[in-house]
Amino acid sequence: MTIKIIGIGNRYRHDDGVGPALIDLLSNKPLANVEAVSCLCEPASLISALSGVKQAVMIDASQSTGTPGQIQKVEPDQLSPSSQAAASSHGFSLGQALSIAKALGKMPEHTIVLAVEGLDFGHGEGLSPPVRKALPELLDRVCREIRAMRSNDVNAGAIHDA
């Protein structure tokens, strides 16, 4: 089963480009049965990226409430469609876009979000130093999530077949 990695963000808004930057790293490290794509956080492109997918890992930047570069694992239903709107540098917050995907029946069975706290969301290319420094750890976290999803697939298959 293919797992989709979705790097959300705009690489022309500094730290908002952390999702696409991770997808660039994954292009140098191809993984079996993993499809990696970048997309903006607008409902049509996100729903298209999620279409037909059973498992997904999304990477997105978040407004820093603590330490820039810190990575947090978030379940999609923890993202409020209304509370993120002011904190998003996208036209839609990730919570809003996922709410639309869920209403349309397009959400994968298992989805997690890895949110990286950003420092600079202004116009321009390149990640801030703390977010750039977090990329190796982020790549490691994505690989761990992929292994966990594959492990859950094997265990679910064994239970289902029993």
C-alpha atoms as a PDB file:
ATOM      1  CA  MET A   1       0.000   0.000   0.000  1.00  0.00           C
ATOM      2  CA  THR A   2       1.318   3.428  -0.942  1.00  0.00           C
ATOM      3  CA  ILE A   3       1.786   6.051   1.753  1.00  0.00           C
ATOM      4  CA  LYS A   4       1.592   9.653   0.618  1.00  0.00           C
ATOM      5  CA  ILE A   5       3.822  12.331   2.072  1.00  0.00           C
ATOM      6  CA  ILE A   6       2.394  15.804   1.446  1.00  0.00           C
ATOM      7  CA  GLY A   7       4.624  18.821   1.967  1.00  0.00           C
ATOM      8  CA  ILE A   8       2.271  21.755   2.423  1.00  0.00           C
ATOM      9  CA  GLY A   9       3.389  25.307   1.961  1.00  0.00           C
ATOM     10  CA  ASN A  10       4.723  28.117  -0.141  1.00  0.00           C
ATOM     11  CA  ARG A  11       8.477  28.097  -0.693  1.00  0.00           C
ATOM     12  CA  TYR A  12       8.324  31.860  -1.391  1.00  0.00           C
ATOM     13  CA  ARG A  13       7.219  32.617   2.203  1.00  0.00           C
ATOM     14  CA  HIS A  14      10.398  31.529   4.029  1.00  0.00           C
ATOM     15  CA  ASP A  15       9.501  29.010   6.784  1.00  0.00           C
ATOM     16  CA  ASP A  16       6.155  28.257   5.171  1.00  0.00           C
ATOM     17  CA  GLY A  17       8.282  26.336   2.645  1.00  0.00           C
ATOM     18  CA  VAL A  18       9.347  23.664   5.149  1.00  0.00           C
ATOM     19  CA  GLY A  19       6.893  21.123   3.658  1.00  0.00           C
ATOM     20  CA  PRO A  20       8.195  21.501   0.085  1.00  0.00           C
ATOM     21  CA  ALA A  21      11.797  21.547   1.432  1.00  0.00           C
ATOM     22  CA  LEU A  22      11.212  18.152   3.041  1.00  0.00           C
ATOM     23  CA  ILE A  23       9.758  16.818  -0.220  1.00  0.00           C
ATOM     24  CA  ASP A  24      12.972  17.975  -1.941  1.00  0.00           C
ATOM     25  CA  LEU A  25      14.981  15.940   0.599  1.00  0.00           C
ATOM     26  CA  LEU A  26      12.802  12.880  -0.011  1.00  0.00           C
ATOM     27  CA  SER A  27      13.448  13.116  -3.759  1.00  0.00           C
ATOM     28  CA  ASN A  28      17.090  12.291  -2.912  1.00  0.00           C
ATOM     29  CA  LYS A  29      15.999   9.356  -0.736  1.00  0.00           C
ATOM     30  CA  PRO A  30      13.356   7.390  -2.644  1.00  0.00           C
ATOM     31  CA  LEU A  31      11.346   5.071  -0.432  1.00  0.00           C
ATOM     32  CA  ALA A  32       9.438   2.018  -1.663  1.00  0.00           C
ATOM     33  CA  ASN A  33       5.675   2.520  -1.870  1.00  0.00           C
ATOM     34  CA  VAL A  34       5.922   6.166  -0.838  1.00  0.00           C
ATOM     35  CA  GLU A  35       4.709   9.013  -2.997  1.00  0.00           C
ATOM     36  CA  ALA A  36       5.911  12.473  -2.015  1.00  0.00           C
ATOM     37  CA  VAL A  37       4.246  15.651  -3.304  1.00  0.00           C
ATOM     38  CA  SER A  38       4.178  19.349  -2.501  1.00  0.00           C
ATOM     39  CA  CYS A  39       1.019  21.415  -2.500  1.00  0.00           C
ATOM     40  CA  LEU A  40      -0.346  24.710  -1.321  1.00  0.00           C
ATOM     41  CA  CYS A  41      -2.863  24.602   1.493  1.00  0.00           C
ATOM     42  CA  GLU A  42      -5.912  25.322  -0.552  1.00  0.00           C
ATOM     43  CA  PRO A  43      -8.740  22.823  -0.557  1.00  0.00           C
ATOM     44  CA  ALA A  44      -8.738  21.783  -4.229  1.00  0.00           C
ATOM     45  CA  SER A  45      -5.037  20.890  -4.411  1.00  0.00           C
ATOM     46  CA  LEU A  46      -5.019  19.247  -0.974  1.00  0.00           C
ATOM     47  CA  ILE A  47      -8.117  17.167  -1.746  1.00  0.00           C
ATOM     48  CA  SER A  48      -6.545  16.164  -5.058  1.00  0.00           C
ATOM     49  CA  ALA A  49      -3.362  15.102  -3.228  1.00  0.00           C
ATOM     50  CA  LEU A  50      -5.415  13.053  -0.728  1.00  0.00           C
ATOM     51  CA  SER A  51      -7.651  11.422  -3.344  1.00  0.00           C
ATOM     52  CA  GLY A  52      -7.494   7.634  -3.237  1.00  0.00           C
ATOM     53  CA  VAL A  53      -4.952   7.580  -0.405  1.00  0.00           C
ATOM     54  CA  LYS A  54      -5.397   5.385   2.682  1.00  0.00           C
ATOM     55  CA  GLN A  55      -2.435   6.716   4.683  1.00  0.00           C
ATOM     56  CA  ALA A  56      -0.823  10.147   4.645  1.00  0.00           C
ATOM     57  CA  VAL A  57       1.807  12.144   6.480  1.00  0.00           C
ATOM     58  CA  MET A  58       1.469  15.907   6.054  1.00  0.00           C
ATOM     59  CA  ILE A  59       4.225  18.372   6.804  1.00  0.00           C
ATOM     60  CA  ASP A  60       3.338  22.004   7.426  1.00  0.00           C
ATOM     61  CA  ALA A  61       4.745  25.046   9.170  1.00  0.00           C
ATOM     62  CA  SER A  62       2.954  26.536  12.139  1.00  0.00           C
ATOM     63  CA  GLN A  63       3.145  29.910  13.808  1.00  0.00           C
ATOM     64  CA  SER A  64       5.601  29.607  16.651  1.00  0.00           C
ATOM     65  CA  THR A  65       4.165  29.507  20.141  1.00  0.00           C
ATOM     66  CA  GLY A  66       7.339  28.091  21.604  1.00  0.00           C
ATOM     67  CA  THR A  67      10.635  27.298  19.970  1.00  0.00           C
ATOM     68  CA  PRO A  68      11.144  27.834  16.213  1.00  0.00           C
ATOM     69  CA  GLY A  69      12.147  24.548  14.602  1.00  0.00           C
ATOM     70  CA  GLN A  70      10.269  22.446  17.157  1.00  0.00           C
ATOM     71  CA  ILE A  71       8.304  19.586  15.562  1.00  0.00           C
ATOM     72  CA  GLN A  72       4.916  18.516  16.860  1.00  0.00           C
ATOM     73  CA  LYS A  73       2.809  15.552  15.814  1.00  0.00           C
ATOM     74  CA  VAL A  74      -0.835  16.540  15.439  1.00  0.00           C
ATOM     75  CA  GLU A  75      -3.889  14.440  14.623  1.00  0.00           C
ATOM     76  CA  PRO A  76      -6.089  16.107  11.966  1.00  0.00           C
ATOM     77  CA  ASP A  77      -9.121  16.316  14.250  1.00  0.00           C
ATOM     78  CA  GLN A  78      -7.027  18.416  16.662  1.00  0.00           C
ATOM     79  CA  LEU A  79      -6.871  21.141  14.009  1.00  0.00           C
ATOM     80  CA  SER A  80      -9.829  23.441  14.468  1.00  0.00           C
ATOM     81  CA  PRO A  81     -11.172  24.849  11.190  1.00  0.00           C
ATOM     82  CA  SER A  82     -11.828  28.235  12.780  1.00  0.00           C
ATOM     83  CA  SER A  83      -8.984  28.749  15.251  1.00  0.00           C
ATOM     84  CA  GLN A  84      -6.156  28.400  12.747  1.00  0.00           C
ATOM     85  CA  ALA A  85      -7.392  30.901  10.169  1.00  0.00           C
ATOM     86  CA  ALA A  86      -5.581  33.864  11.708  1.00  0.00           C
ATOM     87  CA  ALA A  87      -2.384  31.850  12.244  1.00  0.00           C
ATOM     88  CA  SER A  88      -2.093  30.572   8.692  1.00  0.00           C
ATOM     89  CA  SER A  89      -0.031  32.101   5.921  1.00  0.00           C
ATOM     90  CA  HIS A  90      -2.135  30.134   3.429  1.00  0.00           C
ATOM     91  CA  GLY A  91      -5.435  31.273   1.977  1.00  0.00           C
ATOM     92  CA  PHE A  92      -7.041  28.544   4.100  1.00  0.00           C
ATOM     93  CA  SER A  93      -5.804  27.034   7.323  1.00  0.00           C
ATOM     94  CA  LEU A  94      -4.892  23.361   7.237  1.00  0.00           C
ATOM     95  CA  GLY A  95      -7.783  22.724   9.639  1.00  0.00           C
ATOM     96  CA  GLN A  96     -10.229  24.348   7.219  1.00  0.00           C
ATOM     97  CA  ALA A  97      -8.889  22.427   4.215  1.00  0.00           C
ATOM     98  CA  LEU A  98      -9.007  19.105   6.079  1.00  0.00           C
ATOM     99  CA  SER A  99     -12.522  19.853   7.296  1.00  0.00           C
ATOM    100  CA  ILE A 100     -13.622  20.228   3.669  1.00  0.00           C
ATOM    101  CA  ALA A 101     -11.797  17.015   2.678  1.00  0.00           C
ATOM    102  CA  LYS A 102     -13.527  15.146   5.509  1.00  0.00           C
ATOM    103  CA  ALA A 103     -16.946  16.510   4.531  1.00  0.00           C
ATOM    104  CA  LEU A 104     -16.334  15.266   0.982  1.00  0.00           C
ATOM    105  CA  GLY A 105     -15.232  11.815   2.177  1.00  0.00           C
ATOM    106  CA  LYS A 106     -11.668  12.305   0.898  1.00  0.00           C
ATOM    107  CA  MET A 107      -9.731  11.916   4.152  1.00  0.00           C
ATOM    108  CA  PRO A 108      -7.383   8.927   4.319  1.00  0.00           C
ATOM    109  CA  GLU A 109      -8.070   6.250   6.943  1.00  0.00           C
ATOM    110  CA  HIS A 110      -4.918   7.286   8.809  1.00  0.00           C
ATOM    111  CA  THR A 111      -3.437  10.770   8.594  1.00  0.00           C
ATOM    112  CA  ILE A 112      -0.971  12.598  10.783  1.00  0.00           C
ATOM    113  CA  VAL A 113       0.442  16.093  10.561  1.00  0.00           C
ATOM    114  CA  LEU A 114       3.980  17.004  11.509  1.00  0.00           C
ATOM    115  CA  ALA A 115       3.932  20.729  12.256  1.00  0.00           C
ATOM    116  CA  VAL A 116       7.196  22.647  12.395  1.00  0.00           C
ATOM    117  CA  GLU A 117       7.158  25.880  14.352  1.00  0.00           C
ATOM    118  CA  GLY A 118       8.353  28.653  12.081  1.00  0.00           C
ATOM    119  CA  LEU A 119      10.092  31.939  12.738  1.00  0.00           C
ATOM    120  CA  ASP A 120       9.821  33.913   9.489  1.00  0.00           C
ATOM    121  CA  PHE A 121       6.771  33.850   7.208  1.00  0.00           C
ATOM    122  CA  GLY A 122       7.644  36.975   5.240  1.00  0.00           C
ATOM    123  CA  HIS A 123       8.100  37.077   1.484  1.00  0.00           C
ATOM    124  CA  GLY A 124      11.259  35.483   0.133  1.00  0.00           C
ATOM    125  CA  GLU A 125      12.987  32.156  -0.350  1.00  0.00           C
ATOM    126  CA  GLY A 126      14.911  30.083   2.167  1.00  0.00           C
ATOM    127  CA  LEU A 127      14.173  28.739   5.620  1.00  0.00           C
ATOM    128  CA  SER A 128      15.202  30.492   8.818  1.00  0.00           C
ATOM    129  CA  PRO A 129      18.227  28.922  10.573  1.00  0.00           C
ATOM    130  CA  PRO A 130      16.207  27.073  13.287  1.00  0.00           C
ATOM    131  CA  VAL A 131      13.779  25.588  10.745  1.00  0.00           C
ATOM    132  CA  ARG A 132      16.589  24.626   8.335  1.00  0.00           C
ATOM    133  CA  LYS A 133      18.399  22.989  11.285  1.00  0.00           C
ATOM    134  CA  ALA A 134      15.241  20.941  12.050  1.00  0.00           C
ATOM    135  CA  LEU A 135      15.094  19.334   8.567  1.00  0.00           C
ATOM    136  CA  PRO A 136      17.213  16.224   9.398  1.00  0.00           C
ATOM    137  CA  GLU A 137      15.080  15.512  12.485  1.00  0.00           C
ATOM    138  CA  LEU A 138      11.919  16.119  10.439  1.00  0.00           C
ATOM    139  CA  LEU A 139      13.093  13.651   7.792  1.00  0.00           C
ATOM    140  CA  ASP A 140      13.801  11.104  10.539  1.00  0.00           C
ATOM    141  CA  ARG A 141      10.320  11.647  12.041  1.00  0.00           C
ATOM    142  CA  VAL A 142       8.677  11.170   8.628  1.00  0.00           C
ATOM    143  CA  CYS A 143      10.586   7.903   8.125  1.00  0.00           C
ATOM    144  CA  ARG A 144       9.510   6.699  11.596  1.00  0.00           C
ATOM    145  CA  GLU A 145       5.859   7.522  10.785  1.00  0.00           C
ATOM    146  CA  ILE A 146       6.144   5.559   7.528  1.00  0.00           C
ATOM    147  CA  ARG A 147       7.538   2.539   9.416  1.00  0.00           C
ATOM    148  CA  ALA A 148       4.740   2.793  11.999  1.00  0.00           C
ATOM    149  CA  MET A 149       2.076   2.964   9.296  1.00  0.00           C
ATOM    150  CA  ARG A 150       3.557  -0.073   7.551  1.00  0.00           C
ATOM    151  CA  SER A 151       3.728  -1.956  10.835  1.00  0.00           C
ATOM    152  CA  ASN A 152       0.079  -1.145  11.554  1.00  0.00           C
ATOM    153  CA  ASP A 153      -0.843  -2.383   8.061  1.00  0.00           C
ATOM    154  CA  VAL A 154       0.889  -5.727   8.700  1.00  0.00           C
ATOM    155  CA  ASN A 155      -0.731  -6.082  12.123  1.00  0.00           C
ATOM    156  CA  ALA A 156      -4.170  -5.131  10.787  1.00  0.00           C
ATOM    157  CA  GLY A 157      -3.791  -7.658   7.960  1.00  0.00           C
ATOM    158  CA  ALA A 158      -2.833 -10.407  10.409  1.00  0.00           C
ATOM    159  CA  ILE A 159      -5.828  -9.641  12.617  1.00  0.00           C
ATOM    160  CA  HIS A 160      -8.128  -9.405   9.604  1.00  0.00           C
ATOM    161  CA  ASP A 161      -6.908 -12.709   8.184  1.00  0.00           C
ATOM    162  CA  ALA A 162      -7.218 -14.552  11.496  1.00  0.00           C
END
